[in-house]
């Protein structure tokens, strides 16, 4: 079973169930709960920034994750107009995906990230 950390401000059951069906063991938390998980054995993270506005908190938390975890960020297209969001993606993300989520493309990317995170631990 592949482990994945899913961090989101709002629980998205469709996203959660899709990732779970693809064979991932998911640890889900919101951004406030993330601080206690930063030292976990997770090596792949999906960070859903849709609807997030506190980028200072998010950056502080991502600083603790990105050194030992491949991070995939989800945003909506409108957020890509925000310079700060683009900077966060550029600094912390291995890759990013915009909504609406194209499940085929998203899971190919997630599979690649999962394989690469496994190689990095060898």
N, C-alpha and C. Protein backbone atom coordinates (compact mmCIF):
# COMPACT_ATOMS: atom_id res chain seq x y z
N UNK A 1 0.84 -1.18 0.00
CA UNK A 1 0.00 0.00 0.00
C UNK A 1 0.89 1.25 0.00
N UNK A 2 0.53 2.21 -0.82
CA UNK A 2 1.28 3.46 -0.92
C UNK A 2 0.70 4.48 0.06
N UNK A 3 1.58 5.15 0.81
CA UNK A 3 1.14 6.15 1.78
C UNK A 3 1.10 7.53 1.14
N UNK A 4 0.10 8.31 1.53
CA UNK A 4 -0.06 9.65 0.99
C UNK A 4 -0.64 10.55 2.06
N UNK A 5 -0.10 11.74 2.18
CA UNK A 5 -0.65 12.76 3.06
C UNK A 5 -1.50 13.70 2.22
N UNK A 6 -2.76 13.85 2.59
CA UNK A 6 -3.68 14.76 1.90
C UNK A 6 -4.03 15.89 2.86
N UNK A 7 -3.67 17.11 2.47
CA UNK A 7 -3.91 18.27 3.31
C UNK A 7 -4.85 19.21 2.57
N UNK A 8 -5.95 19.56 3.23
CA UNK A 8 -6.91 20.47 2.60
C UNK A 8 -7.67 21.24 3.66
N UNK A 9 -8.10 22.41 3.29
CA UNK A 9 -8.89 23.23 4.19
C UNK A 9 -10.31 22.68 4.30
N UNK A 10 -10.82 22.16 3.19
CA UNK A 10 -12.17 21.60 3.15
C UNK A 10 -12.08 20.16 2.65
N UNK A 11 -12.73 19.25 3.33
CA UNK A 11 -12.72 17.85 2.95
C UNK A 11 -13.45 17.68 1.62
N UNK A 12 -12.79 17.05 0.65
CA UNK A 12 -13.36 16.77 -0.67
C UNK A 12 -13.49 15.25 -0.78
N UNK A 13 -14.68 14.73 -0.50
CA UNK A 13 -14.89 13.28 -0.47
C UNK A 13 -14.61 12.64 -1.82
N UNK A 14 -14.96 13.31 -2.90
CA UNK A 14 -14.71 12.77 -4.24
C UNK A 14 -13.21 12.57 -4.46
N UNK A 15 -12.42 13.57 -4.12
CA UNK A 15 -10.96 13.48 -4.26
C UNK A 15 -10.43 12.38 -3.35
N UNK A 16 -10.86 12.37 -2.09
CA UNK A 16 -10.39 11.38 -1.12
C UNK A 16 -10.68 9.95 -1.61
N UNK A 17 -11.91 9.71 -2.01
CA UNK A 17 -12.30 8.36 -2.45
C UNK A 17 -11.57 7.96 -3.73
N UNK A 18 -11.34 8.90 -4.63
CA UNK A 18 -10.62 8.60 -5.87
C UNK A 18 -9.18 8.18 -5.57
N UNK A 19 -8.53 8.90 -4.68
CA UNK A 19 -7.15 8.57 -4.32
C UNK A 19 -7.11 7.22 -3.61
N UNK A 20 -8.06 6.99 -2.73
CA UNK A 20 -8.12 5.72 -2.00
C UNK A 20 -8.33 4.55 -2.97
N UNK A 21 -9.23 4.71 -3.95
CA UNK A 21 -9.48 3.66 -4.95
C UNK A 21 -8.24 3.36 -5.77
N UNK A 22 -7.36 4.34 -5.90
CA UNK A 22 -6.15 4.15 -6.69
C UNK A 22 -5.06 3.43 -5.88
N UNK A 23 -5.39 2.99 -4.66
CA UNK A 23 -4.48 2.16 -3.90
C UNK A 23 -3.61 2.87 -2.88
N UNK A 24 -4.00 4.06 -2.47
CA UNK A 24 -3.22 4.81 -1.50
C UNK A 24 -3.83 4.70 -0.11
N UNK A 25 -2.96 4.58 0.89
CA UNK A 25 -3.35 4.68 2.29
C UNK A 25 -3.23 6.16 2.63
N UNK A 26 -4.34 6.81 2.96
CA UNK A 26 -4.38 8.26 3.09
C UNK A 26 -4.40 8.70 4.55
N UNK A 27 -3.54 9.65 4.86
CA UNK A 27 -3.64 10.40 6.11
C UNK A 27 -4.16 11.76 5.71
N UNK A 28 -5.34 12.14 6.22
CA UNK A 28 -5.94 13.42 5.85
C UNK A 28 -5.91 14.36 7.04
N UNK A 29 -5.58 15.61 6.79
CA UNK A 29 -5.65 16.63 7.84
C UNK A 29 -5.88 17.99 7.21
N UNK A 30 -6.25 18.94 8.05
CA UNK A 30 -6.33 20.31 7.55
C UNK A 30 -5.01 21.01 7.87
N UNK A 31 -4.88 22.25 7.51
CA UNK A 31 -3.61 22.94 7.67
C UNK A 31 -3.23 23.14 9.13
N UNK A 32 -4.21 23.31 10.00
CA UNK A 32 -3.90 23.50 11.43
C UNK A 32 -3.40 22.21 12.05
N UNK A 33 -3.89 21.06 11.59
CA UNK A 33 -3.46 19.77 12.12
C UNK A 33 -2.11 19.33 11.56
N UNK A 34 -1.66 19.97 10.51
CA UNK A 34 -0.46 19.55 9.80
C UNK A 34 0.80 19.64 10.66
N UNK A 35 0.86 20.59 11.56
CA UNK A 35 2.07 20.76 12.37
C UNK A 35 2.48 19.48 13.09
N UNK A 36 1.54 18.72 13.60
CA UNK A 36 1.86 17.49 14.30
C UNK A 36 2.26 16.35 13.39
N UNK A 37 2.03 16.50 12.11
CA UNK A 37 2.31 15.44 11.15
C UNK A 37 3.63 15.67 10.42
N UNK A 38 4.19 16.84 10.50
CA UNK A 38 5.38 17.20 9.74
C UNK A 38 6.53 16.22 9.90
N UNK A 39 6.65 15.57 11.02
CA UNK A 39 7.74 14.63 11.24
C UNK A 39 7.34 13.19 10.95
N UNK A 40 6.22 12.98 10.28
CA UNK A 40 5.75 11.62 10.02
C UNK A 40 6.58 10.97 8.92
N UNK A 41 6.28 9.71 8.66
CA UNK A 41 7.01 8.97 7.64
C UNK A 41 6.39 9.11 6.25
N UNK A 42 5.60 10.12 6.04
CA UNK A 42 4.99 10.35 4.73
C UNK A 42 6.04 10.90 3.77
N UNK A 43 6.02 10.40 2.53
CA UNK A 43 6.98 10.86 1.53
C UNK A 43 6.32 11.45 0.29
N UNK A 44 4.97 11.40 0.27
CA UNK A 44 4.21 11.96 -0.84
C UNK A 44 3.03 12.72 -0.26
N UNK A 45 2.89 13.97 -0.68
CA UNK A 45 1.80 14.79 -0.16
C UNK A 45 1.02 15.47 -1.27
N UNK A 46 -0.29 15.50 -1.11
CA UNK A 46 -1.17 16.29 -1.98
C UNK A 46 -1.70 17.42 -1.11
N UNK A 47 -1.36 18.63 -1.50
CA UNK A 47 -1.76 19.81 -0.76
C UNK A 47 -2.79 20.55 -1.59
N UNK A 48 -4.03 20.57 -1.10
CA UNK A 48 -5.14 21.19 -1.82
C UNK A 48 -5.28 22.64 -1.34
N UNK A 49 -4.85 23.57 -2.17
CA UNK A 49 -4.89 24.98 -1.81
C UNK A 49 -6.17 25.68 -2.25
N UNK A 50 -7.12 24.94 -2.83
CA UNK A 50 -8.37 25.55 -3.25
C UNK A 50 -9.07 26.14 -2.03
N UNK A 51 -9.38 27.41 -2.10
CA UNK A 51 -10.08 28.07 -1.01
C UNK A 51 -9.20 28.53 0.13
N UNK A 52 -7.90 28.38 0.02
CA UNK A 52 -6.99 28.79 1.09
C UNK A 52 -6.56 30.23 0.89
N UNK A 53 -6.48 30.94 2.00
CA UNK A 53 -6.06 32.33 1.89
C UNK A 53 -4.88 32.66 2.80
N UNK A 54 -4.59 31.83 3.79
CA UNK A 54 -3.51 32.12 4.74
C UNK A 54 -2.20 31.53 4.23
N UNK A 55 -1.60 32.19 3.26
CA UNK A 55 -0.38 31.66 2.65
C UNK A 55 0.82 31.73 3.59
N UNK A 56 0.80 32.60 4.57
CA UNK A 56 1.90 32.67 5.53
C UNK A 56 1.94 31.38 6.34
N UNK A 57 0.79 30.94 6.84
CA UNK A 57 0.71 29.68 7.57
C UNK A 57 1.08 28.51 6.67
N UNK A 58 0.56 28.50 5.47
CA UNK A 58 0.81 27.39 4.54
C UNK A 58 2.30 27.29 4.22
N UNK A 59 2.95 28.42 3.95
CA UNK A 59 4.39 28.39 3.66
C UNK A 59 5.19 27.90 4.85
N UNK A 60 4.83 28.33 6.03
CA UNK A 60 5.54 27.89 7.23
C UNK A 60 5.44 26.38 7.39
N UNK A 61 4.25 25.84 7.13
CA UNK A 61 4.05 24.40 7.25
C UNK A 61 4.75 23.64 6.12
N UNK A 62 4.70 24.18 4.92
CA UNK A 62 5.36 23.52 3.79
C UNK A 62 6.88 23.51 3.95
N UNK A 63 7.42 24.52 4.62
CA UNK A 63 8.86 24.52 4.90
C UNK A 63 9.28 23.26 5.65
N UNK A 64 8.42 22.79 6.53
CA UNK A 64 8.73 21.59 7.29
C UNK A 64 8.51 20.30 6.54
N UNK A 65 7.82 20.36 5.42
CA UNK A 65 7.51 19.14 4.66
C UNK A 65 8.40 18.93 3.45
N UNK A 66 8.68 19.98 2.71
CA UNK A 66 9.22 19.78 1.37
C UNK A 66 10.63 19.19 1.35
N UNK A 67 11.32 19.18 2.48
CA UNK A 67 12.66 18.60 2.47
C UNK A 67 12.63 17.08 2.43
N UNK A 68 11.57 16.46 2.89
CA UNK A 68 11.50 15.00 2.90
C UNK A 68 10.27 14.44 2.18
N UNK A 69 9.56 15.28 1.45
CA UNK A 69 8.32 14.85 0.82
C UNK A 69 8.18 15.47 -0.57
N UNK A 70 7.74 14.66 -1.53
CA UNK A 70 7.35 15.21 -2.83
C UNK A 70 5.94 15.76 -2.67
N UNK A 71 5.74 16.99 -3.09
CA UNK A 71 4.46 17.66 -2.89
C UNK A 71 3.81 17.96 -4.22
N UNK A 72 2.54 17.57 -4.32
CA UNK A 72 1.69 17.92 -5.46
C UNK A 72 0.65 18.89 -4.92
N UNK A 73 0.50 20.02 -5.58
CA UNK A 73 -0.44 21.05 -5.12
C UNK A 73 -1.62 21.13 -6.08
N UNK A 74 -2.81 21.24 -5.51
CA UNK A 74 -4.04 21.44 -6.30
C UNK A 74 -4.51 22.87 -6.08
N UNK A 75 -4.80 23.56 -7.17
CA UNK A 75 -5.34 24.93 -7.10
C UNK A 75 -6.45 25.06 -8.13
N UNK A 76 -7.25 26.12 -8.00
CA UNK A 76 -8.18 26.42 -9.09
C UNK A 76 -7.50 27.40 -10.03
N UNK A 77 -7.98 27.46 -11.24
CA UNK A 77 -7.32 28.29 -12.27
C UNK A 77 -7.21 29.75 -11.86
N UNK A 78 -8.21 30.26 -11.18
CA UNK A 78 -8.21 31.66 -10.76
C UNK A 78 -7.03 31.95 -9.83
N UNK A 79 -6.66 30.99 -9.00
CA UNK A 79 -5.55 31.19 -8.07
C UNK A 79 -4.22 31.39 -8.79
N UNK A 80 -4.11 30.88 -10.01
CA UNK A 80 -2.85 31.02 -10.75
C UNK A 80 -2.59 32.46 -11.18
N UNK A 81 -3.56 33.32 -11.00
CA UNK A 81 -3.35 34.75 -11.26
C UNK A 81 -2.68 35.43 -10.07
N UNK A 82 -2.63 34.75 -8.94
CA UNK A 82 -2.05 35.29 -7.72
C UNK A 82 -0.55 35.00 -7.69
N UNK A 83 0.24 36.05 -7.64
CA UNK A 83 1.70 35.91 -7.63
C UNK A 83 2.20 35.08 -6.45
N UNK A 84 1.59 35.27 -5.28
CA UNK A 84 2.02 34.51 -4.10
C UNK A 84 1.75 33.01 -4.26
N UNK A 85 0.62 32.67 -4.82
CA UNK A 85 0.31 31.24 -5.06
C UNK A 85 1.33 30.66 -6.04
N UNK A 86 1.63 31.39 -7.09
CA UNK A 86 2.62 30.90 -8.07
C UNK A 86 3.99 30.72 -7.41
N UNK A 87 4.35 31.62 -6.52
CA UNK A 87 5.62 31.49 -5.81
C UNK A 87 5.63 30.26 -4.91
N UNK A 88 4.53 30.01 -4.21
CA UNK A 88 4.43 28.82 -3.35
C UNK A 88 4.54 27.55 -4.18
N UNK A 89 3.86 27.51 -5.31
CA UNK A 89 3.94 26.33 -6.19
C UNK A 89 5.38 26.14 -6.67
N UNK A 90 5.99 27.22 -7.13
CA UNK A 90 7.36 27.13 -7.64
C UNK A 90 8.37 26.71 -6.59
N UNK A 91 8.16 27.13 -5.36
CA UNK A 91 9.11 26.85 -4.29
C UNK A 91 8.94 25.45 -3.69
N UNK A 92 7.70 24.98 -3.55
CA UNK A 92 7.45 23.76 -2.78
C UNK A 92 6.95 22.56 -3.59
N UNK A 93 6.35 22.79 -4.74
CA UNK A 93 5.67 21.69 -5.43
C UNK A 93 6.60 20.94 -6.37
N UNK A 94 6.45 19.62 -6.37
CA UNK A 94 7.07 18.80 -7.39
C UNK A 94 6.27 18.97 -8.68
N UNK A 95 4.96 19.10 -8.53
CA UNK A 95 4.06 19.35 -9.66
C UNK A 95 2.78 19.96 -9.09
N UNK A 96 1.92 20.44 -9.98
CA UNK A 96 0.64 20.98 -9.53
C UNK A 96 -0.43 20.59 -10.53
N UNK A 97 -1.68 20.70 -10.08
CA UNK A 97 -2.83 20.35 -10.91
C UNK A 97 -3.92 21.37 -10.66
N UNK A 98 -4.62 21.77 -11.71
CA UNK A 98 -5.71 22.72 -11.57
C UNK A 98 -7.05 21.99 -11.65
N UNK A 99 -8.04 22.58 -10.97
CA UNK A 99 -9.38 22.01 -11.09
C UNK A 99 -10.05 22.59 -12.32
N UNK A 100 -10.98 21.90 -12.91
CA UNK A 100 -11.48 20.60 -12.50
C UNK A 100 -10.42 19.52 -12.67
N UNK A 101 -10.43 18.57 -11.74
CA UNK A 101 -9.41 17.52 -11.75
C UNK A 101 -9.68 16.54 -12.89
N UNK A 102 -8.70 16.44 -13.76
CA UNK A 102 -8.72 15.44 -14.84
C UNK A 102 -8.13 14.18 -14.21
N UNK A 103 -8.98 13.22 -13.89
CA UNK A 103 -8.53 12.07 -13.11
C UNK A 103 -7.42 11.28 -13.80
N UNK A 104 -7.50 11.11 -15.08
CA UNK A 104 -6.44 10.38 -15.79
C UNK A 104 -5.10 11.07 -15.66
N UNK A 105 -5.09 12.36 -15.91
CA UNK A 105 -3.84 13.14 -15.82
C UNK A 105 -3.35 13.22 -14.37
N UNK A 106 -4.27 13.44 -13.44
CA UNK A 106 -3.91 13.57 -12.04
C UNK A 106 -3.27 12.27 -11.51
N UNK A 107 -3.86 11.13 -11.85
CA UNK A 107 -3.34 9.88 -11.31
C UNK A 107 -2.07 9.41 -12.02
N UNK A 108 -1.86 9.79 -13.26
CA UNK A 108 -0.56 9.54 -13.89
C UNK A 108 0.52 10.34 -13.18
N UNK A 109 0.22 11.60 -12.90
CA UNK A 109 1.17 12.45 -12.18
C UNK A 109 1.42 11.91 -10.78
N UNK A 110 0.37 11.51 -10.08
CA UNK A 110 0.51 10.98 -8.73
C UNK A 110 1.31 9.68 -8.72
N UNK A 111 1.07 8.82 -9.72
CA UNK A 111 1.83 7.58 -9.83
C UNK A 111 3.31 7.85 -10.05
N UNK A 112 3.62 8.81 -10.90
CA UNK A 112 5.00 9.18 -11.16
C UNK A 112 5.64 9.72 -9.88
N UNK A 113 4.93 10.59 -9.17
CA UNK A 113 5.45 11.15 -7.91
C UNK A 113 5.66 10.06 -6.88
N UNK A 114 4.73 9.11 -6.81
CA UNK A 114 4.86 8.00 -5.86
C UNK A 114 6.10 7.16 -6.17
N UNK A 115 6.29 6.85 -7.43
CA UNK A 115 7.48 6.08 -7.83
C UNK A 115 8.76 6.82 -7.54
N UNK A 116 8.78 8.11 -7.82
CA UNK A 116 9.97 8.91 -7.57
C UNK A 116 10.24 9.04 -6.06
N UNK A 117 9.20 9.16 -5.26
CA UNK A 117 9.41 9.26 -3.81
C UNK A 117 9.96 7.94 -3.27
N UNK A 118 9.58 6.83 -3.87
CA UNK A 118 10.13 5.53 -3.47
C UNK A 118 11.62 5.45 -3.83
N UNK A 119 11.97 5.90 -5.02
CA UNK A 119 13.38 5.90 -5.44
C UNK A 119 14.24 6.79 -4.55
N UNK A 120 13.68 7.90 -4.12
CA UNK A 120 14.46 8.83 -3.28
C UNK A 120 14.76 8.24 -1.91
N UNK A 121 13.98 7.27 -1.46
CA UNK A 121 14.20 6.66 -0.15
C UNK A 121 15.21 5.52 -0.19
N UNK A 122 15.60 5.08 -1.36
CA UNK A 122 16.55 3.95 -1.49
C UNK A 122 17.95 4.39 -1.17
